[in-house]
Amino acid sequence: MATAQFAPDGGPQYHDATASVEQRAAPRYTLLLRQARLHCRTGEFLCVIRDVSETGLSIRTFHPLPPDHRMAIELVEKRPHLIEKVWEKEGEAGFRFKDAVSLDELLADDARFPRRQFRIEIDYPVEMCADGVISRASFTNLSQQGACLRCDRLLARDQLLSLRSPMLPGIEAKVRWRRDNIHGLVFEQTFSFRDFANLVARIQSVA
């Protein structure tokens, strides 16, 4: 991978002069289109890692970030790293790691958790139409390709549903599995990463 001296592209420099020197001295690895998940008090959000070093990283964003200064970022499932926001401008943000990290560990995939599209944990009410009957339901998580749906009706495997809400475009989905009142859905038409990131932000009242 290409390396370069650390400098947030066009962003303000760190206020801490010592941290600034250390940050610029750390080799930065360019990571094009490496998807990641941000955790904060407001909820979970999606971004793309632009580049990363052992002391910090910069990301591409699709909406303004929550005002939280401290967050966690997840490149690999179940392996979050604490980060602190240093700067933000339209479509970009820079962070430094709260604790020392190993780039090899940070970037390595975990065989226990094969890389897959991120699922966002969420409790979001929707209107469900199944067999012409409209009822209330709610998502318990959401991804680009599907969701987990909680509802009082017991739906059949491969049953077709229509789902909608004020924030959600009309979605057609099919039931893949059921455990009690939780149903696993696959969408008939998937979201692009950008559209999904913006949808998640709207649902959590950020965008």
C-alpha atoms as a PDB file:
ATOM      1  CA  MET A   1       0.000   0.000   0.000  1.00  0.00           C
ATOM      2  CA  ALA A   2       1.106   3.581  -0.598  1.00  0.00           C
ATOM      3  CA  THR A   3       2.342   5.529   2.410  1.00  0.00           C
ATOM      4  CA  ALA A   4       2.453   9.250   3.056  1.00  0.00           C
ATOM      5  CA  GLN A   5       3.007  11.679   5.886  1.00  0.00           C
ATOM      6  CA  PHE A   6      -0.131  12.193   7.975  1.00  0.00           C
ATOM      7  CA  ALA A   7      -1.991  15.418   7.199  1.00  0.00           C
ATOM      8  CA  PRO A   8      -5.796  15.771   7.127  1.00  0.00           C
ATOM      9  CA  ASP A   9      -6.642  16.865   3.574  1.00  0.00           C
ATOM     10  CA  GLY A  10      -7.629  20.495   3.935  1.00  0.00           C
ATOM     11  CA  GLY A  11      -8.719  19.969   7.544  1.00  0.00           C
ATOM     12  CA  PRO A  12      -7.479  22.038  10.478  1.00  0.00           C
ATOM     13  CA  GLN A  13      -4.343  20.857  12.259  1.00  0.00           C
ATOM     14  CA  TYR A  14      -4.468  19.384  15.744  1.00  0.00           C
ATOM     15  CA  HIS A  15      -4.476  21.876  18.584  1.00  0.00           C
ATOM     16  CA  ASP A  16      -2.108  19.654  20.554  1.00  0.00           C
ATOM     17  CA  ALA A  17       1.302  20.353  18.991  1.00  0.00           C
ATOM     18  CA  THR A  18       2.853  17.122  20.317  1.00  0.00           C
ATOM     19  CA  ALA A  19      -0.028  15.032  18.987  1.00  0.00           C
ATOM     20  CA  SER A  20       0.235  16.861  15.651  1.00  0.00           C
ATOM     21  CA  VAL A  21       3.917  15.985  15.239  1.00  0.00           C
ATOM     22  CA  GLU A  22       3.338  12.369  16.194  1.00  0.00           C
ATOM     23  CA  GLN A  23       0.342  12.130  13.878  1.00  0.00           C
ATOM     24  CA  ARG A  24       2.204  13.507  10.863  1.00  0.00           C
ATOM     25  CA  ALA A  25       5.173  11.233  11.579  1.00  0.00           C
ATOM     26  CA  ALA A  26       3.054   8.072  11.522  1.00  0.00           C
ATOM     27  CA  PRO A  27       2.884   6.343   8.144  1.00  0.00           C
ATOM     28  CA  ARG A  28      -0.566   6.615   6.603  1.00  0.00           C
ATOM     29  CA  TYR A  29      -2.025   3.759   4.576  1.00  0.00           C
ATOM     30  CA  THR A  30      -4.514   4.590   1.860  1.00  0.00           C
ATOM     31  CA  LEU A  31      -7.641   2.417   2.020  1.00  0.00           C
ATOM     32  CA  LEU A  32     -10.011   3.063  -0.847  1.00  0.00           C
ATOM     33  CA  LEU A  33     -13.664   2.182  -0.249  1.00  0.00           C
ATOM     34  CA  ARG A  34     -13.115   0.299   3.019  1.00  0.00           C
ATOM     35  CA  GLN A  35     -16.522   0.426   4.661  1.00  0.00           C
ATOM     36  CA  ALA A  36     -16.830   0.965   8.402  1.00  0.00           C
ATOM     37  CA  ARG A  37     -19.384   1.527  11.129  1.00  0.00           C
ATOM     38  CA  LEU A  38     -19.352   4.362  13.667  1.00  0.00           C
ATOM     39  CA  HIS A  39     -20.807   3.879  17.150  1.00  0.00           C
ATOM     40  CA  CYS A  40     -21.870   6.846  19.265  1.00  0.00           C
ATOM     41  CA  ARG A  41     -24.524   7.795  21.820  1.00  0.00           C
ATOM     42  CA  THR A  42     -26.984   8.719  19.051  1.00  0.00           C
ATOM     43  CA  GLY A  43     -26.761   5.341  17.342  1.00  0.00           C
ATOM     44  CA  GLU A  44     -24.791   3.582  14.618  1.00  0.00           C
ATOM     45  CA  PHE A  45     -23.726   5.175  11.330  1.00  0.00           C
ATOM     46  CA  LEU A  46     -21.836   4.189   8.190  1.00  0.00           C
ATOM     47  CA  CYS A  47     -18.792   5.706   6.529  1.00  0.00           C
ATOM     48  CA  VAL A  48     -15.879   4.852   4.222  1.00  0.00           C
ATOM     49  CA  ILE A  49     -12.291   4.811   5.481  1.00  0.00           C
ATOM     50  CA  ARG A  50     -10.103   7.040   3.304  1.00  0.00           C
ATOM     51  CA  ASP A  51      -6.778   6.385   5.000  1.00  0.00           C
ATOM     52  CA  VAL A  52      -5.447   5.258   8.359  1.00  0.00           C
ATOM     53  CA  SER A  53      -2.255   5.269  10.422  1.00  0.00           C
ATOM     54  CA  GLU A  54      -1.362   3.898  13.843  1.00  0.00           C
ATOM     55  CA  THR A  55      -2.420   7.202  15.405  1.00  0.00           C
ATOM     56  CA  GLY A  56      -5.488   8.242  13.435  1.00  0.00           C
ATOM     57  CA  LEU A  57      -7.668   8.007  10.369  1.00  0.00           C
ATOM     58  CA  SER A  58      -9.845  10.043   8.037  1.00  0.00           C
ATOM     59  CA  ILE A  59     -13.218   9.027   6.692  1.00  0.00           C
ATOM     60  CA  ARG A  60     -15.646   9.937   3.969  1.00  0.00           C
ATOM     61  CA  THR A  61     -19.127  10.726   5.276  1.00  0.00           C
ATOM     62  CA  PHE A  62     -22.516  10.925   3.565  1.00  0.00           C
ATOM     63  CA  HIS A  63     -24.186  13.274   6.074  1.00  0.00           C
ATOM     64  CA  PRO A  64     -23.190  15.488   9.021  1.00  0.00           C
ATOM     65  CA  LEU A  65     -21.959  13.400  11.948  1.00  0.00           C
ATOM     66  CA  PRO A  66     -23.548  13.535  15.406  1.00  0.00           C
ATOM     67  CA  PRO A  67     -21.954  16.146  17.711  1.00  0.00           C
ATOM     68  CA  ASP A  68     -20.271  13.475  19.862  1.00  0.00           C
ATOM     69  CA  HIS A  69     -16.530  14.042  20.282  1.00  0.00           C
ATOM     70  CA  ARG A  70     -15.785  10.444  21.282  1.00  0.00           C
ATOM     71  CA  MET A  71     -16.939   7.508  19.164  1.00  0.00           C
ATOM     72  CA  ALA A  72     -15.891   3.978  18.234  1.00  0.00           C
ATOM     73  CA  ILE A  73     -15.184   2.706  14.740  1.00  0.00           C
ATOM     74  CA  GLU A  74     -15.546  -0.855  13.482  1.00  0.00           C
ATOM     75  CA  LEU A  75     -13.765  -2.050  10.350  1.00  0.00           C
ATOM     76  CA  VAL A  76     -14.215  -5.689  11.300  1.00  0.00           C
ATOM     77  CA  GLU A  77     -17.309  -7.120  12.994  1.00  0.00           C
ATOM     78  CA  LYS A  78     -17.113  -7.149  16.813  1.00  0.00           C
ATOM     79  CA  ARG A  79     -13.741  -5.322  16.871  1.00  0.00           C
ATOM     80  CA  PRO A  80     -14.378  -1.618  17.690  1.00  0.00           C
ATOM     81  CA  HIS A  81     -11.656   0.976  18.324  1.00  0.00           C
ATOM     82  CA  LEU A  82     -12.205   4.124  20.396  1.00  0.00           C
ATOM     83  CA  ILE A  83     -11.596   7.359  18.467  1.00  0.00           C
ATOM     84  CA  GLU A  84     -11.799  11.109  19.097  1.00  0.00           C
ATOM     85  CA  LYS A  85     -12.943  13.593  16.458  1.00  0.00           C
ATOM     86  CA  VAL A  86     -10.289  16.141  15.491  1.00  0.00           C
ATOM     87  CA  TRP A  87     -11.922  17.899  12.559  1.00  0.00           C
ATOM     88  CA  GLU A  88     -14.939  17.685  10.271  1.00  0.00           C
ATOM     89  CA  LYS A  89     -15.922  19.393   7.055  1.00  0.00           C
ATOM     90  CA  GLU A  90     -18.508  18.603   4.415  1.00  0.00           C
ATOM     91  CA  GLY A  91     -18.193  14.964   3.428  1.00  0.00           C
ATOM     92  CA  GLU A  92     -15.030  14.290   5.484  1.00  0.00           C
ATOM     93  CA  ALA A  93     -13.837  13.916   9.056  1.00  0.00           C
ATOM     94  CA  GLY A  94     -10.568  13.145  10.837  1.00  0.00           C
ATOM     95  CA  PHE A  95     -10.058  11.217  14.078  1.00  0.00           C
ATOM     96  CA  ARG A  96      -7.231  10.080  16.297  1.00  0.00           C
ATOM     97  CA  PHE A  97      -7.242   6.776  18.145  1.00  0.00           C
ATOM     98  CA  LYS A  98      -7.760   7.046  21.883  1.00  0.00           C
ATOM     99  CA  ASP A  99      -5.394   4.107  22.462  1.00  0.00           C
ATOM    100  CA  ALA A 100      -2.414   2.781  20.539  1.00  0.00           C
ATOM    101  CA  VAL A 101      -3.349   0.404  17.722  1.00  0.00           C
ATOM    102  CA  SER A 102      -1.493  -2.057  15.540  1.00  0.00           C
ATOM    103  CA  LEU A 103      -2.166  -1.527  11.844  1.00  0.00           C
ATOM    104  CA  ASP A 104      -1.762  -5.251  11.181  1.00  0.00           C
ATOM    105  CA  GLU A 105      -4.413  -6.009  13.795  1.00  0.00           C
ATOM    106  CA  LEU A 106      -6.630  -3.128  12.710  1.00  0.00           C
ATOM    107  CA  LEU A 107      -6.719  -4.069   9.032  1.00  0.00           C
ATOM    108  CA  ALA A 108      -6.681  -7.866   9.315  1.00  0.00           C
ATOM    109  CA  ASP A 109      -9.960  -9.667   8.748  1.00  0.00           C
ATOM    110  CA  ASP A 110     -11.161 -11.986  11.521  1.00  0.00           C
ATOM    111  CA  ALA A 111     -11.893 -15.523  10.320  1.00  0.00           C
ATOM    112  CA  ARG A 112     -14.602 -15.795  13.004  1.00  0.00           C
ATOM    113  CA  PHE A 113     -16.466 -12.877  11.459  1.00  0.00           C
ATOM    114  CA  PRO A 114     -16.148 -12.978   7.636  1.00  0.00           C
ATOM    115  CA  ARG A 115     -16.489  -9.535   6.113  1.00  0.00           C
ATOM    116  CA  ARG A 116     -20.084  -8.804   5.207  1.00  0.00           C
ATOM    117  CA  GLN A 117     -22.410  -5.870   4.870  1.00  0.00           C
ATOM    118  CA  PHE A 118     -22.945  -4.086   8.177  1.00  0.00           C
ATOM    119  CA  ARG A 119     -26.208  -4.547  10.021  1.00  0.00           C
ATOM    120  CA  ILE A 120     -27.376  -1.532  12.000  1.00  0.00           C
ATOM    121  CA  GLU A 121     -29.051  -2.305  15.330  1.00  0.00           C
ATOM    122  CA  ILE A 122     -32.198  -0.211  15.449  1.00  0.00           C
ATOM    123  CA  ASP A 123     -35.736  -0.163  16.813  1.00  0.00           C
ATOM    124  CA  TYR A 124     -37.813   1.426  14.083  1.00  0.00           C
ATOM    125  CA  PRO A 125     -41.608   1.130  13.568  1.00  0.00           C
ATOM    126  CA  VAL A 126     -42.954   0.387  10.095  1.00  0.00           C
ATOM    127  CA  GLU A 127     -46.295  -0.323   8.467  1.00  0.00           C
ATOM    128  CA  MET A 128     -46.450  -3.855   7.077  1.00  0.00           C
ATOM    129  CA  CYS A 129     -48.833  -5.167   4.428  1.00  0.00           C
ATOM    130  CA  ALA A 130     -49.060  -8.969   4.077  1.00  0.00           C
ATOM    131  CA  ASP A 131     -51.810 -10.735   2.113  1.00  0.00           C
ATOM    132  CA  GLY A 132     -53.701  -7.464   1.874  1.00  0.00           C
ATOM    133  CA  VAL A 133     -53.762  -6.974   5.657  1.00  0.00           C
ATOM    134  CA  ILE A 134     -52.013  -3.893   7.091  1.00  0.00           C
ATOM    135  CA  SER A 135     -50.488  -4.120  10.566  1.00  0.00           C
ATOM    136  CA  ARG A 136     -47.784  -2.574  12.745  1.00  0.00           C
ATOM    137  CA  ALA A 137     -44.286  -3.989  12.966  1.00  0.00           C
ATOM    138  CA  SER A 138     -40.765  -2.792  13.708  1.00  0.00           C
ATOM    139  CA  PHE A 139     -37.233  -3.406  12.467  1.00  0.00           C
ATOM    140  CA  THR A 140     -34.767  -4.673  15.061  1.00  0.00           C
ATOM    141  CA  ASN A 141     -31.860  -4.366  12.638  1.00  0.00           C
ATOM    142  CA  LEU A 142     -31.342  -3.233   9.076  1.00  0.00           C
ATOM    143  CA  SER A 143     -28.813  -3.846   6.276  1.00  0.00           C
ATOM    144  CA  GLN A 144     -28.487  -3.028   2.589  1.00  0.00           C
ATOM    145  CA  GLN A 145     -30.010  -6.376   1.658  1.00  0.00           C
ATOM    146  CA  GLY A 146     -32.489  -7.154   4.405  1.00  0.00           C
ATOM    147  CA  ALA A 147     -33.708  -6.727   7.957  1.00  0.00           C
ATOM    148  CA  CYS A 148     -35.025  -8.433  11.060  1.00  0.00           C
ATOM    149  CA  LEU A 149     -38.691  -7.634  11.610  1.00  0.00           C
ATOM    150  CA  ARG A 150     -40.640  -7.983  14.848  1.00  0.00           C
ATOM    151  CA  CYS A 151     -44.410  -8.340  14.535  1.00  0.00           C
ATOM    152  CA  ASP A 152     -47.325 -10.046  16.284  1.00  0.00           C
ATOM    153  CA  ARG A 153     -48.346 -11.971  13.175  1.00  0.00           C
ATOM    154  CA  LEU A 154     -46.606 -15.248  12.364  1.00  0.00           C
ATOM    155  CA  LEU A 155     -45.500 -14.975   8.753  1.00  0.00           C
ATOM    156  CA  ALA A 156     -44.707 -17.908   6.481  1.00  0.00           C
ATOM    157  CA  ARG A 157     -41.340 -18.604   4.884  1.00  0.00           C
ATOM    158  CA  ASP A 158     -41.089 -16.943   1.425  1.00  0.00           C
ATOM    159  CA  GLN A 159     -44.145 -14.791   2.184  1.00  0.00           C
ATOM    160  CA  LEU A 160     -44.051 -11.436   0.356  1.00  0.00           C
ATOM    161  CA  LEU A 161     -44.430  -8.198   2.327  1.00  0.00           C
ATOM    162  CA  SER A 162     -44.664  -4.486   1.643  1.00  0.00           C
ATOM    163  CA  LEU A 163     -43.082  -2.173   4.222  1.00  0.00           C
ATOM    164  CA  ARG A 164     -43.196   1.601   4.534  1.00  0.00           C
ATOM    165  CA  SER A 165     -42.803   4.506   6.948  1.00  0.00           C
ATOM    166  CA  PRO A 166     -42.446   8.318   6.723  1.00  0.00           C
ATOM    167  CA  MET A 167     -38.633   7.933   6.431  1.00  0.00           C
ATOM    168  CA  LEU A 168     -38.629   4.745   4.389  1.00  0.00           C
ATOM    169  CA  PRO A 169     -39.446   4.348   0.694  1.00  0.00           C
ATOM    170  CA  GLY A 170     -41.823   1.508  -0.122  1.00  0.00           C
ATOM    171  CA  ILE A 171     -39.887  -1.752   0.262  1.00  0.00           C
ATOM    172  CA  GLU A 172     -40.870  -5.177  -1.007  1.00  0.00           C
ATOM    173  CA  ALA A 173     -39.383  -8.033   0.997  1.00  0.00           C
ATOM    174  CA  LYS A 174     -39.580 -11.800   1.409  1.00  0.00           C
ATOM    175  CA  VAL A 175     -39.505 -13.796   4.645  1.00  0.00           C
ATOM    176  CA  ARG A 176     -36.469 -16.102   4.864  1.00  0.00           C
ATOM    177  CA  TRP A 177     -36.751 -17.400   8.441  1.00  0.00           C
ATOM    178  CA  ARG A 178     -38.752 -17.012  11.664  1.00  0.00           C
ATOM    179  CA  ARG A 179     -37.977 -17.383  15.369  1.00  0.00           C
ATOM    180  CA  ASP A 180     -41.030 -16.674  17.527  1.00  0.00           C
ATOM    181  CA  ASN A 181     -42.157 -13.153  16.516  1.00  0.00           C
ATOM    182  CA  ILE A 182     -38.837 -12.211  14.834  1.00  0.00           C
ATOM    183  CA  HIS A 183     -38.641 -12.656  11.051  1.00  0.00           C
ATOM    184  CA  GLY A 184     -35.590 -12.469   8.813  1.00  0.00           C
ATOM    185  CA  LEU A 185     -36.282 -10.565   5.588  1.00  0.00           C
ATOM    186  CA  VAL A 186     -34.449 -10.181   2.296  1.00  0.00           C
ATOM    187  CA  PHE A 187     -35.291  -7.112   0.208  1.00  0.00           C
ATOM    188  CA  GLU A 188     -36.399  -7.521  -3.379  1.00  0.00           C
ATOM    189  CA  GLN A 189     -34.300  -4.462  -4.281  1.00  0.00           C
ATOM    190  CA  THR A 190     -31.139  -3.697  -2.297  1.00  0.00           C
ATOM    191  CA  PHE A 191     -29.779  -0.288  -1.237  1.00  0.00           C
ATOM    192  CA  SER A 192     -26.515   1.204  -2.461  1.00  0.00           C
ATOM    193  CA  PHE A 193     -24.076   1.900   0.381  1.00  0.00           C
ATOM    194  CA  ARG A 194     -24.580   5.669   0.037  1.00  0.00           C
ATOM    195  CA  ASP A 195     -28.383   5.417   0.051  1.00  0.00           C
ATOM    196  CA  PHE A 196     -28.312   3.028   2.989  1.00  0.00           C
ATOM    197  CA  ALA A 197     -25.975   5.294   4.990  1.00  0.00           C
ATOM    198  CA  ASN A 198     -28.283   8.273   4.409  1.00  0.00           C
ATOM    199  CA  LEU A 199     -31.383   6.216   5.279  1.00  0.00           C
ATOM    200  CA  VAL A 200     -29.831   5.133   8.572  1.00  0.00           C
ATOM    201  CA  ALA A 201     -28.953   8.767   9.368  1.00  0.00           C
ATOM    202  CA  ARG A 202     -32.490   9.964   8.595  1.00  0.00           C
ATOM    203  CA  ILE A 203     -34.053   7.245  10.729  1.00  0.00           C
ATOM    204  CA  GLN A 204     -31.816   8.265  13.630  1.00  0.00           C
ATOM    205  CA  SER A 205     -32.628  11.952  13.010  1.00  0.00           C
ATOM    206  CA  VAL A 206     -29.132  13.046  12.029  1.00  0.00           C
ATOM    207  CA  ALA A 207     -29.358  13.793   8.280  1.00  0.00           C
END
